[in-house]
Amino acid sequence: MRSMWKGAVSFGLVTIPIHLYTATENKNVSLRQVHVTDGGRIQYKRFCTIDGEEVPYSDIAKGYELSDGEMVVLTDEDMATLPLATSKSIDVLEFVPLESIDPIYFDRTYYLEPEKAAVTPYVLLRDALHKSGQVAVAKVALRQRESMAVLRVLNDVLVMTTILWPDEVRRPDFKFLEEEQPQVRPQELTMAGTLIDSLSEPVFEPEKYEDSYREALESLIEDKVKGRETTTVAQPEDNAEVVDLMGALKASVSAAKKSRKPAAAKDKSATKKSKSA
């Protein structure tokens, strides 16, 4: 991995120099826009809407458009005057339980690696944070933008996740919330709870799941490269039949139990074999 930022974690009077690495990567297959007849790439030119001339990067600045259409031009020199006190520091502000932060606030996640001379204070913060069972709330500036962030421990490494500001999270403004809510029957609520129980697992194991769409797209591309013909997979027909809520819940519970029987049988078989051994 390549470091994308260098700074320090400020923890009280302790400063821990670190390198920041992007913790996740997008595995989507990258597709380009091309001319269907010859495969030529489609390119877009940067041009000014006033004089129609193509504009080089060196002449491009940032702009804020006012409600009346007037434009406020902000140059790199203007942006450099803005106060970013945390430009090279991750300032720890407080410690809170992780469950008190709703996941809707989570944005991007990064790994923190200590510099060679800072391993000891890094391990101190890591172990103290892990023992406390809490996460650190901090402020940091990345790419000329100040963000709130959360520091926690994952696989013996400090992990920082930037979080959105409160006014960046939209409030649900749905009409049905203002109307009288439908009454859910106790039997339906009980059956829904049974469905949840039948599909519950002790821990989340993401490796059980796979991106079938990406795999199919990669296979399609591979077939194209080899010059083989591809076939279209038939899609299931839309089921327009209306079923009642209770019936749908019962069917879901039944299907969930059936899907778990083979796995349960394998576990019992494995247990018997281990005992006999």
Protein backbone atom coordinates (compact mmCIF):
# COMPACT_ATOMS: atom_id res chain seq x y z
CA MET A 1 0.00 0.00 0.00
CA ARG A 2 1.09 3.57 -0.66
CA SER A 3 0.74 6.23 2.04
CA MET A 4 -1.63 9.04 0.99
CA TRP A 5 -1.11 11.40 3.96
CA LYS A 6 1.46 12.05 6.64
CA GLY A 7 0.72 13.71 9.98
CA ALA A 8 0.33 12.95 13.67
CA VAL A 9 -2.29 11.85 16.18
CA SER A 10 -2.55 14.35 19.05
CA PHE A 11 -3.68 12.50 22.15
CA GLY A 12 -3.55 14.90 25.12
CA LEU A 13 0.10 15.87 25.40
CA VAL A 14 1.17 12.85 23.35
CA THR A 15 1.95 13.25 19.65
CA ILE A 16 2.17 10.12 17.48
CA PRO A 17 3.60 10.62 13.96
CA ILE A 18 1.71 8.37 11.52
CA HIS A 19 1.21 7.53 7.86
CA LEU A 20 -2.34 7.24 6.53
CA TYR A 21 -3.44 4.55 4.08
CA THR A 22 -6.79 4.05 2.37
CA ALA A 23 -8.31 0.97 4.03
CA THR A 24 -10.77 0.02 1.31
CA GLU A 25 -10.76 -0.23 -2.48
CA ASN A 26 -13.45 -0.30 -5.11
CA LYS A 27 -13.46 -3.64 -6.95
CA ASN A 28 -15.96 -2.56 -9.58
CA VAL A 29 -14.91 -3.32 -13.15
CA SER A 30 -13.89 -0.03 -14.76
CA LEU A 31 -15.71 0.59 -18.04
CA ARG A 32 -15.08 3.42 -20.51
CA GLN A 33 -17.50 5.20 -22.79
CA VAL A 34 -16.66 4.22 -26.38
CA HIS A 35 -18.00 4.63 -29.91
CA VAL A 36 -20.05 1.49 -30.55
CA THR A 37 -19.01 1.23 -34.22
CA ASP A 38 -15.23 1.26 -33.77
CA GLY A 39 -14.50 1.19 -30.02
CA GLY A 40 -12.89 4.64 -30.01
CA ARG A 41 -12.77 6.34 -26.60
CA ILE A 42 -15.20 9.19 -25.96
CA GLN A 43 -13.38 12.27 -24.62
CA TYR A 44 -14.71 15.48 -23.12
CA LYS A 45 -13.09 18.86 -23.55
CA ARG A 46 -12.97 21.55 -20.86
CA PHE A 47 -14.29 24.69 -22.45
CA CYS A 48 -15.54 28.05 -21.25
CA THR A 49 -19.28 28.66 -21.73
CA ILE A 50 -18.64 32.37 -22.36
CA ASP A 51 -15.98 32.42 -25.08
CA GLY A 52 -16.24 28.79 -26.18
CA GLU A 53 -12.45 28.33 -25.88
CA GLU A 54 -10.83 25.17 -24.47
CA VAL A 55 -9.38 25.87 -21.00
CA PRO A 56 -6.09 24.40 -19.73
CA TYR A 57 -5.88 23.13 -16.12
CA SER A 58 -3.59 26.04 -15.20
CA ASP A 59 -6.44 28.48 -15.89
CA ILE A 60 -9.09 26.63 -13.91
CA ALA A 61 -10.16 27.91 -10.47
CA LYS A 62 -12.97 27.08 -8.08
CA GLY A 63 -16.22 29.00 -8.22
CA TYR A 64 -19.29 29.45 -6.03
CA GLU A 65 -22.49 30.33 -7.88
CA LEU A 66 -24.88 32.74 -6.18
CA SER A 67 -28.66 32.39 -6.39
CA ASP A 68 -28.83 35.18 -8.98
CA GLY A 69 -26.34 33.42 -11.26
CA GLU A 70 -23.33 35.58 -10.36
CA MET A 71 -20.08 33.63 -9.83
CA VAL A 72 -17.59 34.09 -6.99
CA VAL A 73 -14.15 32.99 -8.24
CA LEU A 74 -11.86 31.37 -5.62
CA THR A 75 -8.20 30.95 -6.58
CA ASP A 76 -5.63 28.64 -4.98
CA GLU A 77 -4.27 31.70 -3.16
CA ASP A 78 -7.72 32.41 -1.73
CA MET A 79 -8.13 28.82 -0.57
CA ALA A 80 -4.70 28.89 1.11
CA THR A 81 -5.89 31.68 3.46
CA LEU A 82 -8.59 29.48 5.01
CA PRO A 83 -7.87 28.25 8.56
CA LEU A 84 -7.17 24.52 8.76
CA ALA A 85 -5.73 24.09 12.23
CA THR A 86 -5.77 20.30 11.86
CA SER A 87 -4.03 20.25 8.48
CA LYS A 88 -1.29 17.89 9.67
CA SER A 89 -2.84 16.57 12.84
CA ILE A 90 -5.56 14.18 13.94
CA ASP A 91 -6.75 15.92 17.12
CA VAL A 92 -8.51 13.61 19.60
CA LEU A 93 -11.41 15.51 21.22
CA GLU A 94 -13.31 12.95 23.29
CA PHE A 95 -14.11 9.27 23.77
CA VAL A 96 -17.56 7.75 23.26
CA PRO A 97 -19.13 4.28 22.82
CA LEU A 98 -19.08 3.19 19.17
CA GLU A 99 -22.75 2.21 19.29
CA SER A 100 -23.65 5.83 20.10
CA ILE A 101 -22.63 6.83 16.54
CA ASP A 102 -25.18 5.83 13.90
CA PRO A 103 -23.56 4.23 10.81
CA ILE A 104 -25.25 6.83 8.59
CA TYR A 105 -22.47 9.23 9.64
CA PHE A 106 -19.62 6.95 8.45
CA ASP A 107 -17.73 8.05 5.33
CA ARG A 108 -14.20 6.84 4.37
CA THR A 109 -11.91 4.53 6.36
CA TYR A 110 -8.11 4.63 6.64
CA TYR A 111 -5.35 2.63 8.34
CA LEU A 112 -2.87 4.43 10.58
CA GLU A 113 0.74 3.21 10.57
CA PRO A 114 3.19 4.65 13.14
CA GLU A 115 6.58 5.99 12.15
CA LYS A 116 9.46 3.88 13.45
CA ALA A 117 10.19 6.16 16.41
CA ALA A 118 6.51 6.33 17.42
CA VAL A 119 5.62 2.64 17.79
CA THR A 120 5.53 2.77 21.61
CA PRO A 121 3.02 5.64 21.99
CA TYR A 122 1.04 4.16 19.08
CA VAL A 123 0.73 0.81 20.87
CA LEU A 124 -0.12 2.63 24.10
CA LEU A 125 -3.04 4.47 22.48
CA ARG A 126 -4.14 1.33 20.62
CA ASP A 127 -4.19 -0.87 23.73
CA ALA A 128 -5.77 1.78 25.96
CA LEU A 129 -8.46 2.43 23.38
CA HIS A 130 -9.16 -1.29 22.98
CA LYS A 131 -9.33 -1.80 26.76
CA SER A 132 -11.72 1.13 27.23
CA GLY A 133 -14.23 -0.36 24.79
CA GLN A 134 -14.74 3.12 23.34
CA VAL A 135 -13.71 5.04 20.23
CA ALA A 136 -11.97 8.39 19.95
CA VAL A 137 -13.72 11.31 18.26
CA ALA A 138 -11.25 13.54 16.43
CA LYS A 139 -10.87 16.34 13.91
CA VAL A 140 -8.71 16.05 10.79
CA ALA A 141 -8.18 17.90 7.52
CA LEU A 142 -7.82 15.84 4.33
CA ARG A 143 -7.67 17.31 0.82
CA GLN A 144 -8.32 20.84 2.06
CA ARG A 145 -11.47 19.83 3.91
CA GLU A 146 -11.90 19.52 7.66
CA SER A 147 -13.80 16.48 8.87
CA MET A 148 -14.83 14.79 12.05
CA ALA A 149 -13.42 11.29 12.46
CA VAL A 150 -13.53 8.22 14.67
CA LEU A 151 -10.44 6.31 15.80
CA ARG A 152 -10.86 2.65 16.76
CA VAL A 153 -8.90 -0.60 16.79
CA LEU A 154 -9.21 -3.26 14.10
CA ASN A 155 -6.85 -6.24 13.76
CA ASP A 156 -4.29 -4.59 16.10
CA VAL A 157 -4.18 -1.47 13.93
CA LEU A 158 -5.59 1.98 14.61
CA VAL A 159 -8.29 2.75 12.06
CA MET A 160 -9.70 6.18 11.30
CA THR A 161 -13.14 6.61 9.75
CA THR A 162 -14.17 10.10 8.69
CA ILE A 163 -17.74 10.97 9.62
CA LEU A 164 -20.20 13.46 8.19
CA TRP A 165 -21.10 16.73 9.88
CA PRO A 166 -24.61 16.75 11.39
CA ASP A 167 -25.96 19.13 8.73
CA GLU A 168 -24.75 16.76 5.99
CA VAL A 169 -27.20 14.05 7.05
CA ARG A 170 -30.61 14.60 5.54
CA ARG A 171 -33.71 14.24 7.67
CA PRO A 172 -36.37 11.91 6.23
CA ASP A 173 -39.23 14.13 5.13
CA PHE A 174 -41.79 11.54 4.07
CA LYS A 175 -45.51 12.18 3.94
CA PHE A 176 -46.44 8.80 5.44
CA LEU A 177 -44.71 9.77 8.71
CA GLU A 178 -47.26 12.56 9.19
CA GLU A 179 -50.19 10.27 8.56
CA GLU A 180 -51.82 7.79 10.91
CA GLN A 181 -49.67 4.67 11.03
CA PRO A 182 -51.26 1.30 10.15
CA GLN A 183 -51.89 -1.08 13.04
CA VAL A 184 -49.65 -4.16 12.97
CA ARG A 185 -51.29 -7.28 14.40
CA PRO A 186 -49.48 -9.02 17.29
CA GLN A 187 -49.41 -12.27 15.26
CA GLU A 188 -47.64 -10.51 12.39
CA LEU A 189 -45.09 -8.95 14.75
CA THR A 190 -44.45 -12.35 16.35
CA MET A 191 -44.01 -14.00 12.95
CA ALA A 192 -41.63 -11.22 11.84
CA GLY A 193 -39.60 -11.81 15.00
CA THR A 194 -39.50 -15.54 14.22
CA LEU A 195 -38.19 -14.75 10.73
CA ILE A 196 -35.45 -12.55 12.18
CA ASP A 197 -34.49 -15.30 14.64
CA SER A 198 -34.36 -17.94 11.90
CA LEU A 199 -31.98 -15.79 9.82
CA SER A 200 -29.83 -14.62 12.75
CA GLU A 201 -26.12 -15.44 13.05
CA PRO A 202 -23.80 -14.82 16.03
CA VAL A 203 -21.38 -12.71 13.96
CA PHE A 204 -21.19 -11.10 10.52
CA GLU A 205 -19.00 -13.13 8.15
CA PRO A 206 -18.64 -11.08 4.94
CA GLU A 207 -16.55 -13.79 3.27
CA LYS A 208 -19.73 -15.87 2.90
CA TYR A 209 -21.01 -13.45 0.28
CA GLU A 210 -19.72 -12.64 -3.20
CA ASP A 211 -20.27 -10.04 -5.88
CA SER A 212 -22.03 -12.20 -8.47
CA TYR A 213 -22.62 -9.26 -10.81
CA ARG A 214 -18.91 -8.35 -10.95
CA GLU A 215 -17.96 -12.00 -11.50
CA ALA A 216 -20.47 -12.28 -14.35
CA LEU A 217 -19.20 -9.04 -15.92
CA GLU A 218 -15.58 -10.22 -15.73
CA SER A 219 -16.61 -13.53 -17.30
CA LEU A 220 -18.46 -11.70 -20.08
CA ILE A 221 -15.38 -9.60 -20.83
CA GLU A 222 -13.18 -12.71 -20.80
CA ASP A 223 -15.49 -14.43 -23.29
CA LYS A 224 -15.40 -11.37 -25.53
CA VAL A 225 -11.59 -11.43 -25.45
CA LYS A 226 -11.57 -15.10 -26.41
CA GLY A 227 -13.98 -14.43 -29.26
CA ARG A 228 -16.66 -16.77 -27.95
CA GLU A 229 -20.36 -16.03 -28.18
CA THR A 230 -22.21 -15.16 -24.98
CA THR A 231 -25.70 -16.10 -23.96
CA THR A 232 -28.17 -13.98 -22.07
CA VAL A 233 -29.21 -15.41 -18.73
CA ALA A 234 -32.99 -15.57 -18.46
CA GLN A 235 -34.37 -13.31 -15.77
CA PRO A 236 -37.12 -14.54 -13.45
CA GLU A 237 -40.58 -13.30 -14.36
CA ASP A 238 -42.10 -10.58 -12.22
CA ASN A 239 -44.60 -12.01 -9.75
CA ALA A 240 -47.56 -9.70 -9.80
CA GLU A 241 -49.57 -11.84 -7.38
CA VAL A 242 -50.52 -9.97 -4.21
CA VAL A 243 -50.03 -11.94 -1.00
CA ASP A 244 -50.98 -11.00 2.54
CA LEU A 245 -48.25 -9.95 5.00
CA MET A 246 -48.77 -12.89 7.36
CA GLY A 247 -48.52 -15.40 4.52
CA ALA A 248 -45.31 -13.83 3.20
CA LEU A 249 -43.73 -13.93 6.65
CA LYS A 250 -44.68 -17.60 7.15
CA ALA A 251 -43.26 -18.52 3.76
CA SER A 252 -40.03 -16.65 4.54
CA VAL A 253 -39.63 -18.44 7.87
CA SER A 254 -40.26 -21.81 6.23
CA ALA A 255 -37.72 -21.12 3.46
CA ALA A 256 -35.13 -19.93 5.96
CA LYS A 257 -35.51 -23.07 8.08
CA LYS A 258 -35.22 -25.34 5.03
CA SER A 259 -32.05 -23.61 3.87
CA ARG A 260 -30.48 -24.17 7.27
CA LYS A 261 -31.30 -27.90 7.56
CA PRO A 262 -28.46 -29.11 5.26
CA ALA A 263 -25.94 -26.97 7.15
CA ALA A 264 -27.21 -28.25 10.50
CA ALA A 265 -27.02 -31.86 9.27
CA LYS A 266 -23.42 -31.35 8.15
CA ASP A 267 -22.52 -29.90 11.56
CA LYS A 268 -24.08 -32.89 13.35
CA SER A 269 -22.29 -35.33 11.03
CA ALA A 270 -18.99 -33.58 11.62
CA THR A 271 -19.59 -33.68 15.38
CA LYS A 272 -20.31 -37.43 15.32
CA LYS A 273 -17.18 -38.12 13.28
CA SER A 274 -15.01 -36.12 15.65
CA LYS A 275 -16.44 -37.97 18.66
CA SER A 276 -15.94 -41.38 17.04
CA ALA A 277 -12.35 -40.41 16.14
